[in-house]
Amino acid sequence: MIIRAFDNAEAAALRDLLTRAFGQPDEADLCEALRADGDMALELVAEAKKKIVGHVALSRMKSPAGWLALAPLSTDPRQQRRGIGSALCQMALQYANAPVVVLGEQGFYERNGFDFARARNLRSPYPVAHTGLFAPALEDPAPACELVYAPAFGG
């Protein structure tokens, strides 16, 4: 498996992967809207045998300035529990060079460097109890700021 940058020529294959991974097209629609709006900061894909088997996206937050949101993270349903999602998550965080927030399953994201307790003072349109923060360079142990996601999130 290799992890590399997403190529726009793969949009149809990525749409198929996201729809199968989430059982609906919402996450594919989200990625397309983030790209169209210029809010996508980074997209990586995992490739095995010339097929996309995983994907991760980092988008620019409207606030706090310079922060990123990790969403979505997906793996082909037939390839799950093989470390693909973790590998994509780790690679995205290496490239981020900024605080990153995620909304998701605490156990998985904590294993990949996110701190849910540290996010407790964040204000968000989404449940803060399910929000993790990756920000090793941020001095504030529990920042108190409002999260404003890119418009494509609709939150």
N, C-alpha and C. Protein backbone atom coordinates (compact mmCIF):
# COMPACT_ATOMS: atom_id res chain seq x y z
N MET A 1 0.84 -1.18 0.00
CA MET A 1 0.00 0.00 0.00
C MET A 1 0.89 1.24 0.00
N ILE A 2 0.47 2.23 -0.77
CA ILE A 2 1.15 3.52 -0.76
C ILE A 2 0.13 4.60 -0.38
N ILE A 3 0.62 5.65 0.24
CA ILE A 3 -0.21 6.81 0.54
C ILE A 3 0.34 7.95 -0.30
N ARG A 4 -0.56 8.61 -1.00
CA ARG A 4 -0.15 9.67 -1.92
C ARG A 4 -1.25 10.72 -2.01
N ALA A 5 -0.94 11.81 -2.69
CA ALA A 5 -1.91 12.87 -2.90
C ALA A 5 -3.05 12.40 -3.80
N PHE A 6 -4.24 12.87 -3.50
CA PHE A 6 -5.41 12.61 -4.34
C PHE A 6 -5.24 13.37 -5.65
N ASP A 7 -5.65 12.75 -6.75
CA ASP A 7 -5.63 13.36 -8.08
C ASP A 7 -7.08 13.57 -8.51
N ASN A 8 -7.41 14.78 -8.95
CA ASN A 8 -8.79 15.09 -9.35
C ASN A 8 -9.32 14.14 -10.42
N ALA A 9 -8.44 13.53 -11.19
CA ALA A 9 -8.88 12.57 -12.21
C ALA A 9 -9.50 11.33 -11.56
N GLU A 10 -9.29 11.15 -10.25
CA GLU A 10 -9.83 10.00 -9.52
C GLU A 10 -11.14 10.31 -8.81
N ALA A 11 -11.77 11.41 -9.14
CA ALA A 11 -12.96 11.86 -8.42
C ALA A 11 -14.07 10.81 -8.42
N ALA A 12 -14.30 10.14 -9.53
CA ALA A 12 -15.37 9.14 -9.59
C ALA A 12 -15.05 7.94 -8.69
N ALA A 13 -13.81 7.48 -8.72
CA ALA A 13 -13.40 6.35 -7.88
C ALA A 13 -13.49 6.72 -6.40
N LEU A 14 -13.10 7.95 -6.06
CA LEU A 14 -13.18 8.39 -4.67
C LEU A 14 -14.64 8.51 -4.23
N ARG A 15 -15.49 9.03 -5.09
CA ARG A 15 -16.91 9.14 -4.77
C ARG A 15 -17.49 7.76 -4.47
N ASP A 16 -17.12 6.78 -5.27
CA ASP A 16 -17.58 5.41 -5.06
C ASP A 16 -17.10 4.88 -3.71
N LEU A 17 -15.82 5.09 -3.40
CA LEU A 17 -15.26 4.63 -2.12
C LEU A 17 -15.99 5.27 -0.95
N LEU A 18 -16.15 6.58 -0.98
CA LEU A 18 -16.80 7.28 0.13
C LEU A 18 -18.25 6.84 0.31
N THR A 19 -18.95 6.64 -0.78
CA THR A 19 -20.36 6.21 -0.70
C THR A 19 -20.45 4.81 -0.11
N ARG A 20 -19.55 3.91 -0.51
CA ARG A 20 -19.57 2.56 0.05
C ARG A 20 -19.13 2.56 1.51
N ALA A 21 -18.12 3.35 1.84
CA ALA A 21 -17.60 3.38 3.21
C ALA A 21 -18.62 3.92 4.21
N PHE A 22 -19.41 4.90 3.80
CA PHE A 22 -20.36 5.52 4.71
C PHE A 22 -21.80 5.11 4.45
N GLY A 23 -22.03 4.33 3.38
CA GLY A 23 -23.39 3.87 3.08
C GLY A 23 -24.31 4.97 2.58
N GLN A 24 -23.73 6.07 2.15
CA GLN A 24 -24.51 7.22 1.65
C GLN A 24 -23.55 8.16 0.92
N PRO A 25 -24.05 9.09 0.12
CA PRO A 25 -23.16 9.98 -0.62
C PRO A 25 -22.77 11.27 0.11
N ASP A 26 -23.22 11.48 1.34
CA ASP A 26 -23.00 12.76 2.03
C ASP A 26 -21.52 13.15 2.14
N GLU A 27 -20.67 12.21 2.49
CA GLU A 27 -19.24 12.51 2.65
C GLU A 27 -18.58 12.81 1.30
N ALA A 28 -19.03 12.12 0.25
CA ALA A 28 -18.53 12.42 -1.09
C ALA A 28 -18.95 13.83 -1.50
N ASP A 29 -20.21 14.18 -1.20
CA ASP A 29 -20.71 15.53 -1.49
C ASP A 29 -19.90 16.56 -0.71
N LEU A 30 -19.58 16.26 0.55
CA LEU A 30 -18.80 17.17 1.38
C LEU A 30 -17.44 17.43 0.75
N CYS A 31 -16.75 16.39 0.35
CA CYS A 31 -15.42 16.56 -0.26
C CYS A 31 -15.50 17.38 -1.55
N GLU A 32 -16.49 17.11 -2.35
CA GLU A 32 -16.64 17.86 -3.60
C GLU A 32 -16.91 19.34 -3.30
N ALA A 33 -17.74 19.63 -2.31
CA ALA A 33 -18.03 21.01 -1.95
C ALA A 33 -16.80 21.71 -1.37
N LEU A 34 -16.04 21.01 -0.52
CA LEU A 34 -14.82 21.60 0.03
C LEU A 34 -13.83 21.95 -1.08
N ARG A 35 -13.69 21.05 -2.04
CA ARG A 35 -12.80 21.34 -3.19
C ARG A 35 -13.30 22.53 -3.98
N ALA A 36 -14.60 22.54 -4.30
CA ALA A 36 -15.18 23.61 -5.11
C ALA A 36 -15.06 24.98 -4.42
N ASP A 37 -15.18 24.98 -3.10
CA ASP A 37 -15.12 26.24 -2.34
C ASP A 37 -13.69 26.68 -2.04
N GLY A 38 -12.71 25.85 -2.36
CA GLY A 38 -11.32 26.19 -2.07
C GLY A 38 -10.94 26.01 -0.61
N ASP A 39 -11.72 25.23 0.13
CA ASP A 39 -11.46 25.01 1.55
C ASP A 39 -10.70 23.72 1.85
N MET A 40 -10.43 22.92 0.84
CA MET A 40 -9.69 21.69 1.05
C MET A 40 -8.21 22.03 1.19
N ALA A 41 -7.62 21.61 2.29
CA ALA A 41 -6.19 21.87 2.52
C ALA A 41 -5.32 20.71 2.05
N LEU A 42 -5.82 19.47 2.23
CA LEU A 42 -5.04 18.29 1.87
C LEU A 42 -5.97 17.10 1.69
N GLU A 43 -5.74 16.34 0.66
CA GLU A 43 -6.44 15.06 0.48
C GLU A 43 -5.39 14.01 0.14
N LEU A 44 -5.43 12.93 0.89
CA LEU A 44 -4.54 11.80 0.64
C LEU A 44 -5.37 10.56 0.37
N VAL A 45 -4.84 9.67 -0.46
CA VAL A 45 -5.48 8.39 -0.69
C VAL A 45 -4.48 7.28 -0.40
N ALA A 46 -5.02 6.15 0.01
CA ALA A 46 -4.24 4.93 0.14
C ALA A 46 -4.54 4.10 -1.09
N GLU A 47 -3.50 3.60 -1.72
CA GLU A 47 -3.66 2.82 -2.94
C GLU A 47 -3.03 1.44 -2.75
N ALA A 48 -3.78 0.43 -3.16
CA ALA A 48 -3.28 -0.94 -3.14
C ALA A 48 -3.70 -1.60 -4.45
N LYS A 49 -2.75 -2.19 -5.11
CA LYS A 49 -3.01 -2.86 -6.40
C LYS A 49 -3.74 -1.93 -7.37
N LYS A 50 -3.26 -0.67 -7.41
CA LYS A 50 -3.77 0.35 -8.35
C LYS A 50 -5.22 0.75 -8.08
N LYS A 51 -5.73 0.46 -6.87
CA LYS A 51 -7.09 0.86 -6.49
C LYS A 51 -7.04 1.69 -5.22
N ILE A 52 -7.90 2.69 -5.15
CA ILE A 52 -8.01 3.51 -3.95
C ILE A 52 -8.75 2.71 -2.89
N VAL A 53 -8.08 2.51 -1.73
CA VAL A 53 -8.68 1.73 -0.65
C VAL A 53 -8.90 2.57 0.62
N GLY A 54 -8.49 3.83 0.57
CA GLY A 54 -8.70 4.71 1.71
C GLY A 54 -8.51 6.16 1.31
N HIS A 55 -9.01 7.05 2.17
CA HIS A 55 -8.97 8.48 1.88
C HIS A 55 -9.05 9.27 3.19
N VAL A 56 -8.36 10.40 3.23
CA VAL A 56 -8.48 11.34 4.35
C VAL A 56 -8.45 12.75 3.78
N ALA A 57 -9.22 13.64 4.42
CA ALA A 57 -9.28 15.04 4.01
C ALA A 57 -9.01 15.95 5.20
N LEU A 58 -8.27 17.00 4.96
CA LEU A 58 -8.09 18.09 5.91
C LEU A 58 -8.62 19.35 5.25
N SER A 59 -9.53 20.03 5.95
CA SER A 59 -10.07 21.28 5.40
C SER A 59 -9.75 22.44 6.33
N ARG A 60 -9.74 23.63 5.75
CA ARG A 60 -9.43 24.83 6.52
C ARG A 60 -10.64 25.25 7.35
N MET A 61 -10.39 25.52 8.64
CA MET A 61 -11.43 26.05 9.52
C MET A 61 -11.56 27.55 9.24
N LYS A 62 -12.77 28.08 9.40
CA LYS A 62 -12.96 29.52 9.31
C LYS A 62 -12.45 30.18 10.59
N SER A 63 -12.58 29.46 11.70
CA SER A 63 -12.08 29.94 12.98
C SER A 63 -11.87 28.73 13.88
N PRO A 64 -10.81 28.76 14.64
CA PRO A 64 -9.70 29.69 14.71
C PRO A 64 -8.86 29.68 13.42
N ALA A 65 -8.33 30.82 13.11
CA ALA A 65 -7.52 30.95 11.90
C ALA A 65 -6.34 29.98 11.96
N GLY A 66 -6.10 29.31 10.85
CA GLY A 66 -4.97 28.39 10.74
C GLY A 66 -5.26 26.97 11.20
N TRP A 67 -6.40 26.74 11.84
CA TRP A 67 -6.74 25.39 12.29
C TRP A 67 -7.34 24.60 11.13
N LEU A 68 -7.28 23.27 11.25
CA LEU A 68 -7.80 22.37 10.23
C LEU A 68 -8.79 21.38 10.85
N ALA A 69 -9.68 20.86 10.01
CA ALA A 69 -10.61 19.81 10.41
C ALA A 69 -10.28 18.55 9.62
N LEU A 70 -10.19 17.43 10.31
CA LEU A 70 -9.97 16.15 9.65
C LEU A 70 -11.34 15.50 9.44
N ALA A 71 -11.76 15.43 8.19
CA ALA A 71 -13.04 14.79 7.84
C ALA A 71 -13.23 14.87 6.33
N PRO A 72 -13.66 13.80 5.74
CA PRO A 72 -13.83 12.48 6.33
C PRO A 72 -12.54 11.65 6.25
N LEU A 73 -12.56 10.57 7.00
CA LEU A 73 -11.53 9.53 6.94
C LEU A 73 -12.27 8.25 6.59
N SER A 74 -11.84 7.58 5.54
CA SER A 74 -12.57 6.38 5.12
C SER A 74 -11.63 5.29 4.63
N THR A 75 -12.13 4.07 4.75
CA THR A 75 -11.45 2.89 4.25
C THR A 75 -12.47 2.04 3.52
N ASP A 76 -12.06 1.42 2.44
CA ASP A 76 -12.92 0.49 1.72
C ASP A 76 -13.45 -0.53 2.73
N PRO A 77 -14.77 -0.76 2.77
CA PRO A 77 -15.32 -1.70 3.75
C PRO A 77 -14.66 -3.08 3.73
N ARG A 78 -14.17 -3.51 2.57
CA ARG A 78 -13.51 -4.83 2.47
C ARG A 78 -12.08 -4.79 2.98
N GLN A 79 -11.55 -3.60 3.27
CA GLN A 79 -10.16 -3.46 3.69
C GLN A 79 -10.02 -2.93 5.12
N GLN A 80 -11.12 -2.83 5.84
CA GLN A 80 -11.06 -2.27 7.19
C GLN A 80 -10.32 -3.18 8.16
N ARG A 81 -9.86 -2.56 9.24
CA ARG A 81 -9.13 -3.23 10.32
C ARG A 81 -7.77 -3.78 9.86
N ARG A 82 -7.18 -3.06 8.92
CA ARG A 82 -5.84 -3.43 8.42
C ARG A 82 -4.84 -2.30 8.60
N GLY A 83 -5.24 -1.25 9.33
CA GLY A 83 -4.35 -0.14 9.61
C GLY A 83 -4.35 0.96 8.57
N ILE A 84 -5.20 0.86 7.56
CA ILE A 84 -5.22 1.87 6.50
C ILE A 84 -5.67 3.22 7.04
N GLY A 85 -6.76 3.24 7.81
CA GLY A 85 -7.26 4.49 8.37
C GLY A 85 -6.24 5.15 9.28
N SER A 86 -5.59 4.36 10.13
CA SER A 86 -4.57 4.90 11.02
C SER A 86 -3.39 5.47 10.23
N ALA A 87 -2.97 4.77 9.21
CA ALA A 87 -1.85 5.25 8.39
C ALA A 87 -2.20 6.56 7.71
N LEU A 88 -3.41 6.66 7.19
CA LEU A 88 -3.85 7.91 6.55
C LEU A 88 -3.93 9.05 7.56
N CYS A 89 -4.48 8.76 8.72
CA CYS A 89 -4.60 9.76 9.77
C CYS A 89 -3.23 10.28 10.18
N GLN A 90 -2.29 9.39 10.42
CA GLN A 90 -0.94 9.77 10.83
C GLN A 90 -0.23 10.61 9.76
N MET A 91 -0.39 10.22 8.52
CA MET A 91 0.25 10.96 7.43
C MET A 91 -0.36 12.35 7.32
N ALA A 92 -1.67 12.46 7.44
CA ALA A 92 -2.33 13.77 7.37
C ALA A 92 -1.84 14.68 8.50
N LEU A 93 -1.70 14.13 9.70
CA LEU A 93 -1.24 14.94 10.83
C LEU A 93 0.21 15.39 10.64
N GLN A 94 1.02 14.55 10.01
CA GLN A 94 2.41 14.94 9.74
C GLN A 94 2.46 16.14 8.79
N TYR A 95 1.55 16.17 7.83
CA TYR A 95 1.52 17.26 6.87
C TYR A 95 0.84 18.51 7.41
N ALA A 96 -0.02 18.37 8.41
CA ALA A 96 -0.87 19.46 8.86
C ALA A 96 -0.10 20.68 9.32
N ASN A 97 0.88 20.51 10.20
CA ASN A 97 1.65 21.63 10.73
C ASN A 97 0.73 22.72 11.29
N ALA A 98 -0.37 22.30 11.93
CA ALA A 98 -1.38 23.21 12.48
C ALA A 98 -2.25 22.40 13.44
N PRO A 99 -2.97 23.08 14.34
CA PRO A 99 -3.94 22.36 15.15
C PRO A 99 -5.01 21.73 14.26
N VAL A 100 -5.42 20.51 14.63
CA VAL A 100 -6.43 19.77 13.86
C VAL A 100 -7.51 19.28 14.81
N VAL A 101 -8.77 19.48 14.42
CA VAL A 101 -9.89 18.94 15.20
C VAL A 101 -10.54 17.81 14.41
N VAL A 102 -11.14 16.89 15.14
CA VAL A 102 -11.85 15.77 14.52
C VAL A 102 -13.10 15.50 15.33
N LEU A 103 -14.12 15.07 14.67
CA LEU A 103 -15.35 14.63 15.31
C LEU A 103 -15.46 13.15 15.00
N GLY A 104 -15.39 12.31 16.02
CA GLY A 104 -15.43 10.89 15.73
C GLY A 104 -15.25 10.01 16.93
N GLU A 105 -15.00 8.75 16.65
CA GLU A 105 -14.90 7.69 17.66
C GLU A 105 -13.64 7.91 18.50
N GLN A 106 -13.84 8.17 19.78
CA GLN A 106 -12.76 8.57 20.67
C GLN A 106 -11.61 7.57 20.72
N GLY A 107 -11.89 6.31 20.89
CA GLY A 107 -10.83 5.31 21.00
C GLY A 107 -9.91 5.30 19.81
N PHE A 108 -10.48 5.30 18.61
CA PHE A 108 -9.67 5.28 17.39
C PHE A 108 -8.81 6.52 17.29
N TYR A 109 -9.42 7.70 17.46
CA TYR A 109 -8.67 8.94 17.26
C TYR A 109 -7.67 9.20 18.39
N GLU A 110 -7.95 8.76 19.61
CA GLU A 110 -6.95 8.90 20.66
C GLU A 110 -5.72 8.06 20.35
N ARG A 111 -5.91 6.87 19.79
CA ARG A 111 -4.77 6.03 19.40
C ARG A 111 -3.94 6.70 18.31
N ASN A 112 -4.54 7.65 17.61
CA ASN A 112 -3.86 8.33 16.51
C ASN A 112 -3.45 9.76 16.86
N GLY A 113 -3.40 10.08 18.16
CA GLY A 113 -2.81 11.34 18.58
C GLY A 113 -3.76 12.45 18.99
N PHE A 114 -5.05 12.24 18.89
CA PHE A 114 -6.01 13.27 19.29
C PHE A 114 -6.30 13.19 20.77
N ASP A 115 -6.55 14.34 21.39
CA ASP A 115 -6.84 14.44 22.81
C ASP A 115 -8.25 14.99 22.99
N PHE A 116 -9.15 14.18 23.49
CA PHE A 116 -10.54 14.58 23.66
C PHE A 116 -10.72 15.43 24.92
N ALA A 117 -9.96 15.16 25.95
CA ALA A 117 -10.05 15.96 27.18
C ALA A 117 -9.58 17.39 26.91
N ARG A 118 -8.58 17.52 26.10
CA ARG A 118 -8.02 18.84 25.78
C ARG A 118 -9.00 19.70 24.99
N ALA A 119 -9.96 19.08 24.33
CA ALA A 119 -10.95 19.80 23.52
C ALA A 119 -12.16 20.24 24.33
N ARG A 120 -12.17 19.97 25.63
CA ARG A 120 -13.37 20.18 26.45
C ARG A 120 -13.89 21.61 26.48
N ASN A 121 -13.03 22.61 26.29
CA ASN A 121 -13.47 24.00 26.34
C ASN A 121 -13.80 24.60 24.98
N LEU A 122 -13.70 23.79 23.95
CA LEU A 122 -14.04 24.29 22.62
C LEU A 122 -15.56 24.43 22.50
N ARG A 123 -15.97 25.45 21.75
CA ARG A 123 -17.39 25.61 21.44
C ARG A 123 -17.57 25.23 19.97
N SER A 124 -18.56 24.39 19.71
CA SER A 124 -18.69 23.81 18.38
C SER A 124 -20.16 23.60 18.03
N PRO A 125 -20.49 23.64 16.73
CA PRO A 125 -21.85 23.29 16.32
C PRO A 125 -22.10 21.78 16.44
N TYR A 126 -21.05 21.03 16.74
CA TYR A 126 -21.14 19.58 16.87
C TYR A 126 -20.84 19.20 18.33
N PRO A 127 -21.19 18.00 18.76
CA PRO A 127 -20.97 17.62 20.16
C PRO A 127 -19.49 17.66 20.56
N VAL A 128 -19.17 18.51 21.51
CA VAL A 128 -17.79 18.65 21.98
C VAL A 128 -17.31 17.35 22.64
N ALA A 129 -18.22 16.59 23.20
CA ALA A 129 -17.84 15.31 23.82
C ALA A 129 -17.25 14.34 22.81
N HIS A 130 -17.52 14.56 21.53
CA HIS A 130 -17.01 13.69 20.47
C HIS A 130 -15.95 14.39 19.63
N THR A 131 -15.41 15.50 20.15
CA THR A 131 -14.43 16.29 19.42
C THR A 131 -13.05 16.07 20.02
N GLY A 132 -12.10 15.76 19.15
CA GLY A 132 -10.72 15.57 19.56
C GLY A 132 -9.84 16.68 19.00
N LEU A 133 -8.74 16.95 19.66
CA LEU A 133 -7.82 18.00 19.25
C LEU A 133 -6.41 17.43 19.15
N PHE A 134 -5.76 17.70 18.05
CA PHE A 134 -4.34 17.38 17.86
C PHE A 134 -3.63 18.72 17.71
N ALA A 135 -2.85 19.09 18.70
CA ALA A 135 -2.18 20.39 18.66
C ALA A 135 -0.94 20.37 19.56
N PRO A 136 0.07 19.58 19.21
CA PRO A 136 1.25 19.48 20.07
C PRO A 136 1.99 20.80 20.28
N ALA A 137 1.94 21.71 19.32
CA ALA A 137 2.67 22.97 19.44
C ALA A 137 1.86 24.06 20.14
N LEU A 138 0.58 23.82 20.38
CA LEU A 138 -0.28 24.79 21.04
C LEU A 138 -0.01 24.77 22.54
N GLU A 139 0.33 25.91 23.11
CA GLU A 139 0.71 25.96 24.53
C GLU A 139 -0.49 25.82 25.46
N ASP A 140 -1.64 26.32 25.09
CA ASP A 140 -2.82 26.27 25.95
C ASP A 140 -3.25 24.81 26.12
N PRO A 141 -3.30 24.31 27.37
CA PRO A 141 -3.65 22.91 27.58
C PRO A 141 -5.10 22.58 27.24
N ALA A 142 -5.99 23.57 27.29
CA ALA A 142 -7.41 23.36 26.95
C ALA A 142 -7.95 24.67 26.38
N PRO A 143 -7.67 24.93 25.09
CA PRO A 143 -8.07 26.20 24.51
C PRO A 143 -9.59 26.39 24.56
N ALA A 144 -9.99 27.63 24.81
CA ALA A 144 -11.41 27.98 24.84
C ALA A 144 -11.68 28.89 23.66
N CYS A 145 -12.08 28.30 22.55
CA CYS A 145 -12.37 29.09 21.36
C CYS A 145 -13.54 28.45 20.62
N GLU A 146 -14.08 29.21 19.71
CA GLU A 146 -15.22 28.72 18.93
C GLU A 146 -14.73 28.11 17.63
N LEU A 147 -15.21 26.92 17.32
CA LEU A 147 -14.88 26.25 16.07
C LEU A 147 -15.90 26.65 15.02
N VAL A 148 -15.41 27.19 13.93
CA VAL A 148 -16.27 27.52 12.80
C VAL A 148 -15.72 26.75 11.60
N TYR A 149 -16.48 25.77 11.18
CA TYR A 149 -16.07 24.91 10.08
C TYR A 149 -16.33 25.58 8.73
N ALA A 150 -15.73 25.06 7.69
CA ALA A 150 -15.98 25.54 6.33
C ALA A 150 -17.48 25.42 6.04
N PRO A 151 -18.03 26.30 5.22
CA PRO A 151 -19.47 26.28 4.93
C PRO A 151 -20.00 24.94 4.42
N ALA A 152 -19.17 24.16 3.76
CA ALA A 152 -19.63 22.87 3.22
C ALA A 152 -20.12 21.93 4.31
N PHE A 153 -19.65 22.13 5.54
CA PHE A 153 -20.10 21.28 6.65
C PHE A 153 -21.53 21.59 7.07
N GLY A 154 -22.00 22.78 6.74
CA GLY A 154 -23.38 23.12 7.05
C GLY A 154 -23.68 23.27 8.51
N GLY A 155 -22.67 23.31 9.38
CA GLY A 155 -22.88 23.40 10.82
C GLY A 155 -22.86 24.81 11.27
